[in-house]
Amino acid sequence: MKTRITELLGIRYPIIQGGMQWVGTAELASAVSNAGGLGVLTALTQATPEALAQEIDRCRGMTDQPFGVNLTILPSVNPPPYAEYLEVVIEKGVKVLETAGNSPKAFIEKLKRHGVRIVHKCTSVRHALSAERNGVDAVSIDGFECAGHPGEDDVPGLILIPLATRVLRIPVVASGGIADGRGMAAAMALGAEGVNMGTRFCATAEAPIHEHIKQALVRASERDTQLIFRSLRNTGRVLKNAVSDEVVATEQRPGGCEFADIQPLVSGQRGRSALHSGEVDAGLVWAGQVVGLIDDIPTCEVLLQRLVKECRESLLGATAMARAA
């Protein structure tokens, strides 16, 4: 398949594995890249910039195909050394950086000088336009269905994708709510030139997640996710479990809720432990509504081949119906 995204990133298929905390490791990223998509290492999954450098080396030992690094830039009392992580990306010759959270404006000029392509993830058209003005190479537009942080506008992909592709000159990648070739075909019909998937890649053989968590994703329906942090204006979508229920109950109690009230429940280390132990109710498990479309745990190779086949069939079928009409 050939789009501006495949040309920009040097990949066979316009399919990107989203950056996911604790999940975007060399095992998964290399498997996606070997299958023809763009695998993505999550920088902050690594405790230090030096650890990221080692993970990049590990990934290079598993694939000779392009892969990227995700860096999510968020406000924090004790922020990670973002500039040092970026320096590792440059020094190691990684040519694709997925950014999310705050604007990467301060880093764009330096990254461009070193030939790094920047794909910035946004949850609104206004932020996508700002990213384009700042010089990113492509935008990944995240609909309300997505896992993680969908923003505060609650606009689903069916609206957000065509709005973005109508006004942006740079390529748009559709993110959130995509798990099969039909969704990929729909995104492309709406003007996207690639897709970004996170939750679907969690339910693959190579994902570094306990089998019990993968099976929980397979069992879940489209109604089994939950929105947390709504009262704090930092909405997140997670798999519904005992921890997310407690977070929501705390947020809804009379008198309101401060982050300190729920911090022990939502700590990243607690979520990491749940992913690795397989105890679904031990911590937050980030997942999108797309879980309702997931019913197996294939290898990345099988998944991408299926996606591409279904996408082509769906586009051809839609074209045939249009001609018949």
Protein backbone atom coordinates (compact mmCIF):
# COMPACT_ATOMS: atom_id res chain seq x y z
CA MET A 1 0.00 0.00 0.00
CA LYS A 2 1.32 3.43 -0.86
CA THR A 3 0.33 6.69 0.83
CA ARG A 4 2.21 9.76 1.94
CA ILE A 5 2.62 8.03 5.32
CA THR A 6 4.33 4.95 3.86
CA GLU A 7 6.60 7.24 1.84
CA LEU A 8 7.36 9.49 4.80
CA LEU A 9 8.17 6.66 7.21
CA GLY A 10 9.64 4.14 4.77
CA ILE A 11 7.19 1.36 5.62
CA ARG A 12 5.20 -1.14 3.52
CA TYR A 13 1.80 -0.59 5.09
CA PRO A 14 0.39 2.66 6.58
CA ILE A 15 -0.09 1.05 10.00
CA ILE A 16 1.57 2.50 13.12
CA GLN A 17 1.79 0.89 16.54
CA GLY A 18 1.04 3.66 19.01
CA GLY A 19 3.41 4.43 21.84
CA MET A 20 2.13 2.77 25.01
CA GLN A 21 3.63 3.00 28.49
CA TRP A 22 5.04 -0.37 29.63
CA VAL A 23 3.99 -2.01 26.32
CA GLY A 24 6.13 -0.30 23.66
CA THR A 25 9.23 -2.47 24.04
CA ALA A 26 11.62 -3.99 21.51
CA GLU A 27 9.64 -7.24 21.35
CA LEU A 28 6.45 -5.58 20.13
CA ALA A 29 8.01 -2.78 18.08
CA SER A 30 10.27 -5.12 16.13
CA ALA A 31 7.39 -7.52 15.43
CA VAL A 32 5.23 -4.71 14.01
CA SER A 33 8.09 -3.38 11.88
CA ASN A 34 8.97 -6.85 10.60
CA ALA A 35 5.31 -7.27 9.60
CA GLY A 36 5.43 -4.12 7.46
CA GLY A 37 4.11 -1.44 9.82
CA LEU A 38 5.93 1.03 12.04
CA GLY A 39 6.79 -0.34 15.46
CA VAL A 40 7.25 2.25 18.20
CA LEU A 41 9.33 2.11 21.36
CA THR A 42 7.92 4.13 24.26
CA ALA A 43 10.75 6.27 25.61
CA LEU A 44 9.39 6.73 29.13
CA THR A 45 8.88 2.99 29.58
CA GLN A 46 12.65 3.06 29.99
CA ALA A 47 13.75 4.42 33.36
CA THR A 48 16.60 6.50 31.98
CA PRO A 49 17.84 7.85 28.64
CA GLU A 50 20.67 5.31 28.85
CA ALA A 51 18.12 2.52 29.15
CA LEU A 52 16.33 3.87 26.06
CA ALA A 53 19.62 3.72 24.14
CA GLN A 54 19.97 0.05 25.10
CA GLU A 55 16.36 -0.66 24.07
CA ILE A 56 16.95 0.93 20.68
CA ASP A 57 19.99 -1.32 20.24
CA ARG A 58 17.90 -4.33 21.25
CA CYS A 59 15.21 -3.43 18.73
CA ARG A 60 17.81 -3.03 15.98
CA GLY A 61 18.99 -6.54 16.79
CA MET A 62 15.45 -7.83 16.13
CA THR A 63 14.57 -5.92 12.93
CA ASP A 64 16.24 -4.26 9.99
CA GLN A 65 13.05 -2.31 9.21
CA PRO A 66 12.23 1.28 10.29
CA PHE A 67 10.87 1.80 13.79
CA GLY A 68 10.14 4.90 15.83
CA VAL A 69 10.21 6.21 19.39
CA ASN A 70 7.29 7.79 21.26
CA LEU A 71 7.84 10.64 23.69
CA THR A 72 4.82 11.90 25.60
CA ILE A 73 5.48 15.33 27.08
CA LEU A 74 3.27 16.10 30.07
CA PRO A 75 3.34 18.72 32.84
CA SER A 76 4.87 17.30 36.00
CA VAL A 77 6.25 18.44 39.33
CA ASN A 78 9.37 16.38 38.60
CA PRO A 79 9.48 16.08 34.80
CA PRO A 80 11.63 13.41 33.15
CA PRO A 81 14.73 14.65 31.29
CA TYR A 82 12.91 15.00 27.97
CA ALA A 83 15.84 16.71 26.25
CA GLU A 84 18.13 13.82 27.17
CA TYR A 85 15.68 11.23 25.80
CA LEU A 86 15.48 13.23 22.57
CA GLU A 87 19.27 13.36 22.38
CA VAL A 88 19.33 9.56 22.50
CA VAL A 89 16.82 9.40 19.63
CA ILE A 90 19.10 11.62 17.55
CA GLU A 91 22.37 9.97 18.53
CA LYS A 92 21.01 6.50 17.82
CA GLY A 93 19.84 7.51 14.37
CA VAL A 94 16.13 6.83 14.91
CA LYS A 95 14.32 8.62 12.09
CA VAL A 96 10.73 8.72 13.39
CA LEU A 97 9.52 10.35 16.61
CA GLU A 98 5.91 10.16 17.75
CA THR A 99 5.12 12.98 20.17
CA ALA A 100 2.04 13.43 22.33
CA GLY A 101 0.85 15.60 25.18
CA ASN A 102 2.32 19.10 25.11
CA SER A 103 3.59 20.69 21.90
CA PRO A 104 7.01 19.50 20.69
CA LYS A 105 7.67 22.99 19.26
CA ALA A 106 10.83 23.56 21.29
CA PHE A 107 12.47 20.44 19.82
CA ILE A 108 11.29 20.51 16.20
CA GLU A 109 14.11 22.54 14.64
CA LYS A 110 16.81 20.33 16.16
CA LEU A 111 15.01 17.12 15.20
CA LYS A 112 14.58 18.36 11.62
CA ARG A 113 18.28 19.17 11.36
CA HIS A 114 19.02 15.53 12.08
CA GLY A 115 16.44 14.18 9.62
CA VAL A 116 13.93 12.97 12.23
CA ARG A 117 10.31 12.76 11.04
CA ILE A 118 7.81 13.97 13.65
CA VAL A 119 4.28 12.54 13.97
CA HIS A 120 2.36 14.48 16.62
CA LYS A 121 -0.73 13.01 18.26
CA CYS A 122 -3.65 15.41 18.81
CA THR A 123 -7.23 15.12 20.04
CA SER A 124 -8.59 18.23 18.31
CA VAL A 125 -8.35 19.98 14.96
CA ARG A 126 -7.18 23.24 16.55
CA HIS A 127 -4.21 21.48 18.12
CA ALA A 128 -3.49 19.66 14.84
CA LEU A 129 -3.39 22.97 12.98
CA SER A 130 -1.01 24.37 15.59
CA ALA A 131 1.25 21.32 15.22
CA GLU A 132 1.26 21.79 11.44
CA ARG A 133 2.25 25.44 11.83
CA ASN A 134 5.04 24.40 14.17
CA GLY A 135 6.48 22.11 11.50
CA VAL A 136 5.57 18.51 12.33
CA ASP A 137 5.56 16.12 9.37
CA ALA A 138 2.24 14.39 10.10
CA VAL A 139 -0.55 14.42 12.64
CA SER A 140 -2.16 11.45 14.37
CA ILE A 141 -5.71 12.48 15.23
CA ASP A 142 -7.16 10.68 18.26
CA GLY A 143 -10.92 10.19 18.45
CA PHE A 144 -12.98 9.95 21.64
CA GLU A 145 -13.07 6.13 21.31
CA CYS A 146 -9.35 5.84 22.01
CA ALA A 147 -7.51 4.44 24.98
CA GLY A 148 -5.45 6.85 27.04
CA HIS A 149 -6.31 10.54 27.02
CA PRO A 150 -8.96 11.52 24.42
CA GLY A 151 -9.02 15.19 25.40
CA GLU A 152 -12.01 17.06 26.75
CA ASP A 153 -14.02 17.74 23.57
CA ASP A 154 -15.52 14.20 23.29
CA VAL A 155 -15.45 14.22 19.48
CA PRO A 156 -15.40 10.72 17.91
CA GLY A 157 -13.23 9.72 14.98
CA LEU A 158 -16.05 9.67 12.44
CA ILE A 159 -16.26 13.45 12.89
CA LEU A 160 -12.67 14.26 13.80
CA ILE A 161 -10.92 12.53 10.90
CA PRO A 162 -12.75 14.28 8.04
CA LEU A 163 -12.56 17.61 9.88
CA ALA A 164 -8.79 17.23 10.17
CA THR A 165 -8.19 16.03 6.62
CA ARG A 166 -10.32 18.87 5.26
CA VAL A 167 -8.03 21.58 6.66
CA LEU A 168 -4.57 20.05 7.09
CA ARG A 169 -2.01 19.93 4.29
CA ILE A 170 0.24 17.37 5.99
CA PRO A 171 -0.77 13.68 6.16
CA VAL A 172 -3.28 12.61 8.80
CA VAL A 173 -3.12 9.29 10.65
CA ALA A 174 -6.41 8.05 12.15
CA SER A 175 -6.12 6.87 15.75
CA GLY A 176 -8.66 5.41 18.16
CA GLY A 177 -11.35 2.82 17.47
CA ILE A 178 -9.49 0.91 14.76
CA ALA A 179 -8.91 -2.84 15.09
CA ASP A 180 -9.61 -4.36 11.70
CA GLY A 181 -9.40 -3.70 7.98
CA ARG A 182 -12.92 -2.33 7.83
CA GLY A 183 -11.98 0.42 10.25
CA MET A 184 -8.80 1.06 8.30
CA ALA A 185 -10.78 1.34 5.06
CA ALA A 186 -13.24 3.72 6.70
CA ALA A 187 -10.40 5.92 7.95
CA MET A 188 -8.90 6.09 4.47
CA ALA A 189 -12.29 6.87 2.93
CA LEU A 190 -12.49 9.79 5.36
CA GLY A 191 -9.15 11.09 4.09
CA ALA A 192 -6.61 9.57 6.48
CA GLU A 193 -3.43 8.18 4.94
CA GLY A 194 -2.62 5.75 7.72
CA VAL A 195 -3.90 4.31 10.98
CA ASN A 196 -2.49 4.15 14.49
CA MET A 197 -3.50 1.28 16.78
CA GLY A 198 -2.73 0.73 20.44
CA THR A 199 -5.27 -1.53 22.14
CA ARG A 200 -5.37 -3.93 19.16
CA PHE A 201 -1.59 -4.41 19.40
CA CYS A 202 -1.90 -5.17 23.13
CA ALA A 203 -3.83 -8.29 22.15
CA THR A 204 -1.07 -9.82 20.02
CA ALA A 205 1.30 -12.68 20.70
CA GLU A 206 4.34 -10.40 20.92
CA ALA A 207 2.91 -7.78 23.29
CA PRO A 208 4.84 -7.88 26.61
CA ILE A 209 1.63 -8.31 28.61
CA HIS A 210 0.43 -11.25 30.71
CA GLU A 211 -1.90 -13.65 28.90
CA HIS A 212 -4.66 -13.01 31.45
CA ILE A 213 -4.72 -9.32 30.48
CA LYS A 214 -4.85 -10.20 26.79
CA GLN A 215 -7.76 -12.57 27.43
CA ALA A 216 -9.55 -9.82 29.37
CA LEU A 217 -9.28 -7.60 26.29
CA VAL A 218 -10.72 -10.39 24.12
CA ARG A 219 -13.63 -10.95 26.53
CA ALA A 220 -14.47 -7.25 26.88
CA SER A 221 -17.30 -5.65 24.94
CA GLU A 222 -17.45 -2.11 23.61
CA ARG A 223 -19.21 -1.18 26.88
CA ASP A 224 -16.40 -2.40 29.12
CA THR A 225 -14.26 0.72 29.21
CA GLN A 226 -14.57 3.59 31.64
CA LEU A 227 -13.68 7.28 31.70
CA ILE A 228 -11.60 8.42 34.65
CA PHE A 229 -10.15 11.80 35.66
CA ARG A 230 -13.25 13.56 34.24
CA SER A 231 -13.55 15.75 37.32
CA LEU A 232 -9.89 16.75 36.97
CA ARG A 233 -10.26 17.74 33.27
CA ASN A 234 -7.66 15.15 32.30
CA THR A 235 -9.99 12.44 30.97
CA GLY A 236 -8.56 8.95 30.46
CA ARG A 237 -10.16 5.81 29.03
CA VAL A 238 -9.33 2.49 30.71
CA LEU A 239 -10.67 -1.04 30.90
CA LYS A 240 -13.46 -1.26 33.47
CA ASN A 241 -12.19 -3.05 36.58
CA ALA A 242 -12.24 -2.76 40.36
CA VAL A 243 -9.62 0.00 40.40
CA SER A 244 -11.32 2.17 37.77
CA ASP A 245 -14.65 1.70 39.57
CA GLU A 246 -13.06 3.00 42.78
CA VAL A 247 -11.49 5.95 40.97
CA VAL A 248 -14.83 6.98 39.46
CA ALA A 249 -16.64 6.54 42.79
CA THR A 250 -14.06 8.75 44.50
CA GLU A 251 -14.42 11.41 41.83
CA GLN A 252 -18.21 11.41 42.18
CA ARG A 253 -18.40 11.62 45.96
CA PRO A 254 -19.90 14.76 47.55
CA GLY A 255 -17.34 17.45 48.15
CA GLY A 256 -15.29 16.71 45.10
CA CYS A 257 -11.97 14.99 44.55
CA GLU A 258 -8.34 16.03 44.35
CA PHE A 259 -5.69 14.04 42.53
CA ALA A 260 -4.09 13.14 45.86
CA ASP A 261 -7.29 11.25 46.77
CA ILE A 262 -6.85 8.81 43.88
CA GLN A 263 -3.09 8.88 43.34
CA PRO A 264 -2.42 5.55 45.12
CA LEU A 265 -4.98 3.86 42.86
CA VAL A 266 -3.66 5.19 39.56
CA SER A 267 0.10 4.99 40.01
CA GLY A 268 1.99 3.89 36.93
CA GLN A 269 3.89 1.21 38.82
CA ARG A 270 0.64 -0.32 39.99
CA GLY A 271 -0.61 -0.48 36.40
CA ARG A 272 2.69 -1.96 35.25
CA SER A 273 2.43 -4.64 37.91
CA ALA A 274 -1.08 -5.55 36.73
CA LEU A 275 0.08 -5.93 33.12
CA HIS A 276 2.92 -8.21 34.13
CA SER A 277 1.17 -10.24 36.87
CA GLY A 278 -2.06 -10.78 34.94
CA GLU A 279 -4.19 -9.55 37.86
CA VAL A 280 -6.78 -7.55 35.97
CA ASP A 281 -8.08 -5.78 39.09
CA ALA A 282 -4.64 -4.89 40.45
CA GLY A 283 -4.23 -1.59 38.60
CA LEU A 284 -5.37 0.50 35.69
CA VAL A 285 -5.39 -1.24 32.30
CA TRP A 286 -5.59 1.37 29.55
CA ALA A 287 -7.85 0.28 26.70
CA GLY A 288 -10.16 1.80 24.09
CA GLN A 289 -13.72 0.96 23.06
CA VAL A 290 -12.16 -1.02 20.23
CA VAL A 291 -11.95 -3.96 22.67
CA GLY A 292 -15.44 -4.81 21.42
CA LEU A 293 -13.90 -5.69 18.04
CA ILE A 294 -11.07 -7.85 19.39
CA ASP A 295 -11.71 -11.61 19.49
CA ASP A 296 -8.29 -13.23 19.10
CA ILE A 297 -4.59 -12.87 19.91
CA PRO A 298 -2.71 -13.21 16.60
CA THR A 299 0.92 -12.56 15.83
CA CYS A 300 1.65 -9.09 14.47
CA GLU A 301 2.42 -10.66 11.09
CA VAL A 302 -0.99 -12.36 10.93
CA LEU A 303 -2.75 -9.23 12.18
CA LEU A 304 -1.20 -6.88 9.61
CA GLN A 305 -1.78 -9.25 6.71
CA ARG A 306 -5.42 -9.60 7.78
CA LEU A 307 -5.81 -5.83 8.17
CA VAL A 308 -4.45 -5.11 4.71
CA LYS A 309 -6.56 -7.84 3.09
CA GLU A 310 -9.76 -6.68 4.81
CA CYS A 311 -9.00 -3.05 4.02
CA ARG A 312 -8.56 -3.74 0.32
CA GLU A 313 -11.69 -5.91 0.20
CA SER A 314 -13.71 -3.24 2.01
CA LEU A 315 -12.56 -0.45 -0.29
CA LEU A 316 -13.24 -2.56 -3.39
CA GLY A 317 -16.65 -3.56 -2.05
CA ALA A 318 -17.61 0.04 -1.33
CA THR A 319 -16.44 1.07 -4.81
CA ALA A 320 -18.50 -1.71 -6.40
CA MET A 321 -21.60 -0.59 -4.48
CA ALA A 322 -21.05 3.00 -5.58
CA ARG A 323 -20.74 1.94 -9.21
CA ALA A 324 -23.84 -0.24 -8.98
CA ALA A 325 -25.81 2.69 -7.66
